[in-house]
C-alpha atoms as a PDB file:
ATOM      1  CA  MET A   1     -29.863   7.824 -71.141  1.00  0.00           C
ATOM      2  CA  PRO A   2     -27.679   8.829 -73.974  1.00  0.00           C
ATOM      3  CA  ALA A   3     -27.183   7.009 -77.066  1.00  0.00           C
ATOM      4  CA  ARG A   4     -23.313   6.248 -76.096  1.00  0.00           C
ATOM      5  CA  GLY A   5     -24.165   5.205 -72.152  1.00  0.00           C
ATOM      6  CA  THR A   6     -26.664   2.834 -74.200  1.00  0.00           C
ATOM      7  CA  LEU A   7     -23.666   1.457 -76.373  1.00  0.00           C
ATOM      8  CA  PHE A   8     -21.464   0.974 -73.253  1.00  0.00           C
ATOM      9  CA  LEU A   9     -24.167  -1.410 -71.246  1.00  0.00           C
ATOM     10  CA  LEU A  10     -24.855  -3.491 -74.082  1.00  0.00           C
ATOM     11  CA  ALA A  11     -20.937  -4.234 -74.657  1.00  0.00           C
ATOM     12  CA  LEU A  12     -20.729  -4.931 -71.011  1.00  0.00           C
ATOM     13  CA  ILE A  13     -23.696  -7.480 -70.850  1.00  0.00           C
ATOM     14  CA  ALA A  14     -22.085  -8.897 -73.824  1.00  0.00           C
ATOM     15  CA  SER A  15     -19.129  -9.773 -72.448  1.00  0.00           C
ATOM     16  CA  PHE A  16     -20.628 -11.568 -69.444  1.00  0.00           C
ATOM     17  CA  GLN A  17     -22.882 -13.576 -71.622  1.00  0.00           C
ATOM     18  CA  VAL A  18     -19.008 -14.372 -73.288  1.00  0.00           C
ATOM     19  CA  LEU A  19     -17.387 -15.441 -70.185  1.00  0.00           C
ATOM     20  CA  SER A  20     -20.374 -17.627 -69.511  1.00  0.00           C
ATOM     21  CA  GLU A  21     -20.091 -19.959 -72.282  1.00  0.00           C
ATOM     22  CA  ASP A  22     -18.890 -23.515 -71.843  1.00  0.00           C
ATOM     23  CA  LEU A  23     -14.671 -22.608 -72.864  1.00  0.00           C
ATOM     24  CA  GLY A  24     -13.949 -26.577 -73.226  1.00  0.00           C
ATOM     25  CA  THR A  25     -11.429 -28.500 -71.833  1.00  0.00           C
ATOM     26  CA  TRP A  26      -7.912 -26.865 -71.013  1.00  0.00           C
ATOM     27  CA  GLY A  27      -5.337 -30.067 -69.886  1.00  0.00           C
ATOM     28  CA  GLU A  28      -6.483 -33.001 -68.131  1.00  0.00           C
ATOM     29  CA  LEU A  29      -8.354 -33.263 -65.096  1.00  0.00           C
ATOM     30  CA  TYR A  30      -8.332 -35.288 -61.890  1.00  0.00           C
ATOM     31  CA  PRO A  31     -10.723 -35.876 -59.252  1.00  0.00           C
ATOM     32  CA  ILE A  32      -9.940 -34.021 -55.778  1.00  0.00           C
ATOM     33  CA  ALA A  33      -7.332 -35.986 -54.080  1.00  0.00           C
ATOM     34  CA  GLU A  34      -8.243 -34.947 -50.548  1.00  0.00           C
ATOM     35  CA  GLN A  35     -10.101 -37.488 -48.795  1.00  0.00           C
ATOM     36  CA  ASP A  36     -12.864 -37.017 -46.191  1.00  0.00           C
ATOM     37  CA  MET A  37     -11.952 -36.502 -42.393  1.00  0.00           C
ATOM     38  CA  LEU A  38     -13.900 -38.802 -41.218  1.00  0.00           C
ATOM     39  CA  THR A  39     -13.246 -41.479 -43.904  1.00  0.00           C
ATOM     40  CA  THR A  40      -9.344 -40.634 -42.879  1.00  0.00           C
ATOM     41  CA  ILE A  41      -9.743 -41.072 -39.272  1.00  0.00           C
ATOM     42  CA  ASN A  42     -11.988 -44.437 -39.683  1.00  0.00           C
ATOM     43  CA  THR A  43      -9.116 -45.865 -42.335  1.00  0.00           C
ATOM     44  CA  ARG A  44      -6.498 -45.186 -39.980  1.00  0.00           C
ATOM     45  CA  LEU A  45      -8.448 -46.780 -36.938  1.00  0.00           C
ATOM     46  CA  GLN A  46      -9.023 -49.746 -39.132  1.00  0.00           C
ATOM     47  CA  ALA A  47      -5.807 -50.270 -39.988  1.00  0.00           C
ATOM     48  CA  MET A  48      -4.729 -50.070 -36.457  1.00  0.00           C
ATOM     49  CA  LYS A  49      -7.111 -52.720 -35.560  1.00  0.00           C
ATOM     50  CA  ASP A  50      -6.130 -54.814 -38.029  1.00  0.00           C
ATOM     51  CA  SER A  51      -2.282 -54.799 -37.046  1.00  0.00           C
ATOM     52  CA  GLY A  52      -2.990 -54.823 -33.516  1.00  0.00           C
ATOM     53  CA  GLU A  53      -1.451 -51.346 -32.771  1.00  0.00           C
ATOM     54  CA  LEU A  54      -4.887 -50.233 -31.602  1.00  0.00           C
ATOM     55  CA  ASP A  55      -5.564 -52.563 -28.815  1.00  0.00           C
ATOM     56  CA  THR A  56      -2.153 -52.599 -27.805  1.00  0.00           C
ATOM     57  CA  GLN A  57      -2.675 -48.374 -27.288  1.00  0.00           C
ATOM     58  CA  GLN A  58      -6.120 -49.385 -25.633  1.00  0.00           C
ATOM     59  CA  GLU A  59      -4.470 -51.290 -23.048  1.00  0.00           C
ATOM     60  CA  ALA A  60      -1.435 -48.956 -22.673  1.00  0.00           C
ATOM     61  CA  TYR A  61      -4.104 -46.114 -21.903  1.00  0.00           C
ATOM     62  CA  LYS A  62      -6.099 -48.396 -19.368  1.00  0.00           C
ATOM     63  CA  LYS A  63      -3.307 -49.116 -17.573  1.00  0.00           C
ATOM     64  CA  GLN A  64      -2.061 -45.662 -17.006  1.00  0.00           C
ATOM     65  CA  VAL A  65      -5.492 -44.430 -15.975  1.00  0.00           C
ATOM     66  CA  ILE A  66      -5.598 -47.544 -13.202  1.00  0.00           C
ATOM     67  CA  GLU A  67      -2.358 -46.234 -12.010  1.00  0.00           C
ATOM     68  CA  LYS A  68      -3.203 -42.895 -11.841  1.00  0.00           C
ATOM     69  CA  SER A  69      -6.267 -43.356  -9.959  1.00  0.00           C
ATOM     70  CA  LEU A  70      -4.230 -45.730  -7.439  1.00  0.00           C
ATOM     71  CA  ARG A  71      -1.369 -43.079  -7.396  1.00  0.00           C
ATOM     72  CA  PRO A  72      -2.581 -39.378  -7.591  1.00  0.00           C
ATOM     73  CA  VAL A  73      -0.721 -36.583  -7.713  1.00  0.00           C
ATOM     74  CA  PRO A  74       0.774 -35.785  -4.542  1.00  0.00           C
ATOM     75  CA  VAL A  75      -0.015 -32.894  -2.266  1.00  0.00           C
ATOM     76  CA  GLU A  76       2.350 -30.358  -3.080  1.00  0.00           C
ATOM     77  CA  GLY A  77       3.686 -28.081  -0.386  1.00  0.00           C
ATOM     78  CA  LEU A  78       3.864 -30.298   2.849  1.00  0.00           C
ATOM     79  CA  THR A  79       6.628 -31.945   4.639  1.00  0.00           C
ATOM     80  CA  ILE A  80       7.488 -34.302   6.952  1.00  0.00           C
ATOM     81  CA  ALA A  81       6.890 -33.396  10.548  1.00  0.00           C
ATOM     82  CA  ARG A  82       9.697 -32.279  12.520  1.00  0.00           C
ATOM     83  CA  GLU A  83       7.768 -31.177  15.966  1.00  0.00           C
ATOM     84  CA  ASN A  84       4.624 -31.258  17.370  1.00  0.00           C
ATOM     85  CA  ARG A  85       1.892 -28.502  16.659  1.00  0.00           C
ATOM     86  CA  THR A  86      -1.406 -27.891  17.144  1.00  0.00           C
ATOM     87  CA  HIS A  87      -3.218 -25.306  15.640  1.00  0.00           C
ATOM     88  CA  TYR A  88      -7.630 -24.591  15.381  1.00  0.00           C
ATOM     89  CA  ILE A  89      -9.851 -23.994  12.293  1.00  0.00           C
ATOM     90  CA  ASN A  90     -12.409 -21.775  13.156  1.00  0.00           C
ATOM     91  CA  PRO A  91     -15.108 -22.965  10.030  1.00  0.00           C
ATOM     92  CA  SER A  92     -17.347 -20.008  10.492  1.00  0.00           C
ATOM     93  CA  MET A  93     -18.256 -18.106   7.419  1.00  0.00           C
ATOM     94  CA  THR A  94     -20.356 -15.007   6.519  1.00  0.00           C
ATOM     95  CA  VAL A  95     -23.875 -15.757   4.528  1.00  0.00           C
ATOM     96  CA  ALA A  96     -23.893 -14.374   1.070  1.00  0.00           C
ATOM     97  CA  GLU A  97     -27.621 -13.726   0.850  1.00  0.00           C
ATOM     98  CA  ASP A  98     -30.777 -14.778   2.961  1.00  0.00           C
ATOM     99  CA  LEU A  99     -30.738 -18.353   3.477  1.00  0.00           C
ATOM    100  CA  ALA A 100     -34.716 -19.780   3.802  1.00  0.00           C
ATOM    101  CA  ASP A 101     -36.007 -23.660   4.383  1.00  0.00           C
ATOM    102  CA  HIS A 102     -39.028 -25.349   2.127  1.00  0.00           C
ATOM    103  CA  GLN A 103     -41.458 -23.299   3.263  1.00  0.00           C
ATOM    104  CA  GLY A 104     -40.186 -20.069   2.880  1.00  0.00           C
ATOM    105  CA  ARG A 105     -38.781 -19.122   6.459  1.00  0.00           C
ATOM    106  CA  VAL A 106     -35.582 -17.454   6.527  1.00  0.00           C
ATOM    107  CA  PHE A 107     -33.139 -18.848   9.287  1.00  0.00           C
ATOM    108  CA  ALA A 108     -30.097 -17.218   8.062  1.00  0.00           C
ATOM    109  CA  HIS A 109     -29.749 -13.773   6.756  1.00  0.00           C
ATOM    110  CA  LYS A 110     -27.315 -11.886   4.538  1.00  0.00           C
ATOM    111  CA  GLY A 111     -24.121 -10.800   6.521  1.00  0.00           C
ATOM    112  CA  ASP A 112     -24.825 -13.414   9.337  1.00  0.00           C
ATOM    113  CA  VAL A 113     -21.757 -15.336  10.697  1.00  0.00           C
ATOM    114  CA  VAL A 114     -22.820 -18.790  10.532  1.00  0.00           C
ATOM    115  CA  ASN A 115     -20.816 -21.636  12.281  1.00  0.00           C
ATOM    116  CA  PRO A 116     -21.748 -25.390  10.701  1.00  0.00           C
ATOM    117  CA  LEU A 117     -20.352 -26.723  14.070  1.00  0.00           C
ATOM    118  CA  ASP A 118     -23.422 -25.193  15.773  1.00  0.00           C
ATOM    119  CA  THR A 119     -25.804 -27.726  13.798  1.00  0.00           C
ATOM    120  CA  VAL A 120     -23.735 -30.378  12.462  1.00  0.00           C
ATOM    121  CA  PRO A 121     -21.754 -32.415  14.738  1.00  0.00           C
ATOM    122  CA  PHE A 122     -18.288 -33.061  13.544  1.00  0.00           C
ATOM    123  CA  ASN A 123     -18.188 -36.580  15.203  1.00  0.00           C
ATOM    124  CA  GLN A 124     -15.163 -38.344  13.267  1.00  0.00           C
ATOM    125  CA  THR A 125     -11.178 -38.145  13.077  1.00  0.00           C
ATOM    126  CA  LEU A 126      -9.197 -37.482  10.341  1.00  0.00           C
ATOM    127  CA  TYR A 127      -5.874 -38.648   9.783  1.00  0.00           C
ATOM    128  CA  PHE A 128      -3.384 -37.598   7.013  1.00  0.00           C
ATOM    129  CA  ILE A 129      -0.223 -39.450   6.029  1.00  0.00           C
ATOM    130  CA  ASP A 130       2.432 -40.431   3.332  1.00  0.00           C
ATOM    131  CA  GLY A 131       1.469 -43.518   2.153  1.00  0.00           C
ATOM    132  CA  ASP A 132       4.818 -44.399   0.986  1.00  0.00           C
ATOM    133  CA  ASN A 133       6.593 -43.446   4.326  1.00  0.00           C
ATOM    134  CA  PRO A 134       6.583 -46.916   6.591  1.00  0.00           C
ATOM    135  CA  ASP A 135       6.843 -45.132   9.470  1.00  0.00           C
ATOM    136  CA  HIS A 136       3.241 -43.273   9.049  1.00  0.00           C
ATOM    137  CA  LEU A 137       1.956 -46.736   8.393  1.00  0.00           C
ATOM    138  CA  ALA A 138       3.048 -48.324  11.500  1.00  0.00           C
ATOM    139  CA  TRP A 139       1.711 -44.635  13.210  1.00  0.00           C
ATOM    140  CA  ILE A 140      -1.775 -45.249  11.978  1.00  0.00           C
ATOM    141  CA  LYS A 141      -1.762 -48.689  12.940  1.00  0.00           C
ATOM    142  CA  ARG A 142      -0.993 -47.621  16.883  1.00  0.00           C
ATOM    143  CA  GLN A 143      -3.854 -45.070  16.748  1.00  0.00           C
ATOM    144  CA  LYS A 144      -7.171 -45.328  18.803  1.00  0.00           C
ATOM    145  CA  PRO A 145      -9.282 -42.589  18.126  1.00  0.00           C
ATOM    146  CA  ASP A 146     -12.303 -41.266  20.686  1.00  0.00           C
ATOM    147  CA  THR A 147     -14.301 -41.401  17.541  1.00  0.00           C
ATOM    148  CA  VAL A 148     -16.473 -44.352  15.995  1.00  0.00           C
ATOM    149  CA  VAL A 149     -15.980 -43.036  12.265  1.00  0.00           C
ATOM    150  CA  TYR A 150     -12.394 -42.492  11.351  1.00  0.00           C
ATOM    151  CA  ARG A 151     -10.829 -41.834   7.959  1.00  0.00           C
ATOM    152  CA  VAL A 152      -7.425 -42.439   6.652  1.00  0.00           C
ATOM    153  CA  ILE A 153      -6.514 -39.939   3.856  1.00  0.00           C
ATOM    154  CA  LEU A 154      -3.106 -40.165   1.864  1.00  0.00           C
ATOM    155  CA  VAL A 155      -1.387 -37.003   0.757  1.00  0.00           C
ATOM    156  CA  ASN A 156       0.814 -39.226  -1.074  1.00  0.00           C
ATOM    157  CA  GLY A 157       1.584 -42.494  -2.016  1.00  0.00           C
ATOM    158  CA  ASP A 158      -0.501 -45.738  -3.630  1.00  0.00           C
ATOM    159  CA  ILE A 159      -4.137 -46.337  -2.400  1.00  0.00           C
ATOM    160  CA  ARG A 160      -3.872 -50.187  -3.473  1.00  0.00           C
ATOM    161  CA  GLU A 161      -0.699 -50.389  -1.616  1.00  0.00           C
ATOM    162  CA  ALA A 162      -1.804 -48.525   1.871  1.00  0.00           C
ATOM    163  CA  THR A 163      -4.886 -50.382   1.711  1.00  0.00           C
ATOM    164  CA  LYS A 164      -3.192 -53.948   1.900  1.00  0.00           C
ATOM    165  CA  ALA A 165      -0.820 -52.669   4.648  1.00  0.00           C
ATOM    166  CA  LEU A 166      -3.706 -51.004   6.880  1.00  0.00           C
ATOM    167  CA  GLY A 167      -6.415 -53.633   6.091  1.00  0.00           C
ATOM    168  CA  GLU A 168      -8.841 -50.823   5.453  1.00  0.00           C
ATOM    169  CA  ARG A 169     -10.192 -48.164   2.862  1.00  0.00           C
ATOM    170  CA  ILE A 170      -8.251 -45.578   2.148  1.00  0.00           C
ATOM    171  CA  PHE A 171      -9.065 -42.045   0.871  1.00  0.00           C
ATOM    172  CA  PHE A 172      -6.598 -39.543  -0.966  1.00  0.00           C
ATOM    173  CA  ASP A 173      -6.633 -35.667  -0.402  1.00  0.00           C
ATOM    174  CA  GLN A 174      -7.091 -35.245  -4.247  1.00  0.00           C
ATOM    175  CA  LYS A 175      -5.210 -31.785  -5.548  1.00  0.00           C
ATOM    176  CA  GLY A 176      -4.837 -30.935  -1.805  1.00  0.00           C
ATOM    177  CA  THR A 177      -8.269 -29.457  -0.869  1.00  0.00           C
ATOM    178  CA  MET A 178      -8.731 -30.813   2.644  1.00  0.00           C
ATOM    179  CA  SER A 179      -5.079 -30.032   3.013  1.00  0.00           C
ATOM    180  CA  ARG A 180      -5.609 -26.377   2.273  1.00  0.00           C
ATOM    181  CA  ARG A 181      -9.005 -26.550   4.360  1.00  0.00           C
ATOM    182  CA  PHE A 182      -7.239 -27.477   7.287  1.00  0.00           C
ATOM    183  CA  GLU A 183      -4.272 -25.392   6.801  1.00  0.00           C
ATOM    184  CA  LEU A 184      -1.527 -28.532   7.025  1.00  0.00           C
ATOM    185  CA  SER A 185       1.750 -27.719   6.568  1.00  0.00           C
ATOM    186  CA  ALA A 186       3.448 -31.150   7.441  1.00  0.00           C
ATOM    187  CA  VAL A 187       2.339 -34.935   8.189  1.00  0.00           C
ATOM    188  CA  PRO A 188       1.410 -37.056  10.071  1.00  0.00           C
ATOM    189  CA  ALA A 189      -1.736 -34.590  11.092  1.00  0.00           C
ATOM    190  CA  ARG A 190      -5.131 -35.761  12.835  1.00  0.00           C
ATOM    191  CA  VAL A 191      -7.987 -33.316  12.475  1.00  0.00           C
ATOM    192  CA  THR A 192     -10.407 -33.824  15.165  1.00  0.00           C
ATOM    193  CA  LEU A 193     -13.697 -31.526  17.333  1.00  0.00           C
ATOM    194  CA  GLY A 194     -11.626 -28.617  19.191  1.00  0.00           C
ATOM    195  CA  GLU A 195     -12.295 -28.550  23.089  1.00  0.00           C
ATOM    196  CA  ASP A 196     -14.982 -25.775  22.611  1.00  0.00           C
ATOM    197  CA  LYS A 197     -16.663 -27.830  20.417  1.00  0.00           C
ATOM    198  CA  ARG A 198     -16.791 -24.265  17.806  1.00  0.00           C
ATOM    199  CA  THR A 199     -13.334 -25.022  16.296  1.00  0.00           C
ATOM    200  CA  LEU A 200     -11.160 -27.800  14.686  1.00  0.00           C
ATOM    201  CA  ARG A 201      -8.284 -29.518  16.132  1.00  0.00           C
ATOM    202  CA  VAL A 202      -5.263 -30.007  14.137  1.00  0.00           C
ATOM    203  CA  ASP A 203      -2.647 -31.450  15.494  1.00  0.00           C
ATOM    204  CA  THR A 204       1.147 -32.356  13.848  1.00  0.00           C
ATOM    205  CA  PHE A 205       3.246 -34.838  14.809  1.00  0.00           C
ATOM    206  CA  ALA A 206       6.866 -35.291  14.725  1.00  0.00           C
ATOM    207  CA  LEU A 207       7.464 -39.422  14.874  1.00  0.00           C
ATOM    208  CA  GLU A 208      10.402 -40.736  16.822  1.00  0.00           C
ATOM    209  CA  GLU A 209      12.136 -42.520  13.564  1.00  0.00           C
ATOM    210  CA  GLN A 210      11.865 -39.419  11.693  1.00  0.00           C
ATOM    211  CA  ARG A 211      13.069 -36.620  13.814  1.00  0.00           C
END
């Protein structure tokens, strides 16, 4: 390496040594003011607990959860029936892949069209009503289903109030899953096994009181 290059390298090393030396204290030093996030949260929670605010908020949240569970969001897209109507649902489905039992025996092949009603009987009656509609509640009380098992399903209303009014267990069509499955457009409606035993019959009723 040329002498000039050697001198430059030594000068560069010396400069790093100078920068690394203790330069002393310049001005006053203060501790970092920012608190740990967890400490901040705990401090805030303790303050809320001491003031009673935490209990108040917890009670309000508990009440909100209970109210929402008793009165879920109404099913969208449904109206009050203005005419009697009947339509049928075919529950058949196309098998996406071979299905086998626990012994490996294939009982349905990919591409097969299978109707669940051929193997699983539909032996119940489903009623869909608006729990806030007194006419619907009165209509349910008049029903005499042909099946031993029947279920009353709300698409709107308070589950607790409907249970008190009807004196039986009430269900709610959360997010309208069943209403879409049975292609409901209006209530009150009733779902039963079709006459051919391979479809589901959906009847919509226009009550005299609401025509």
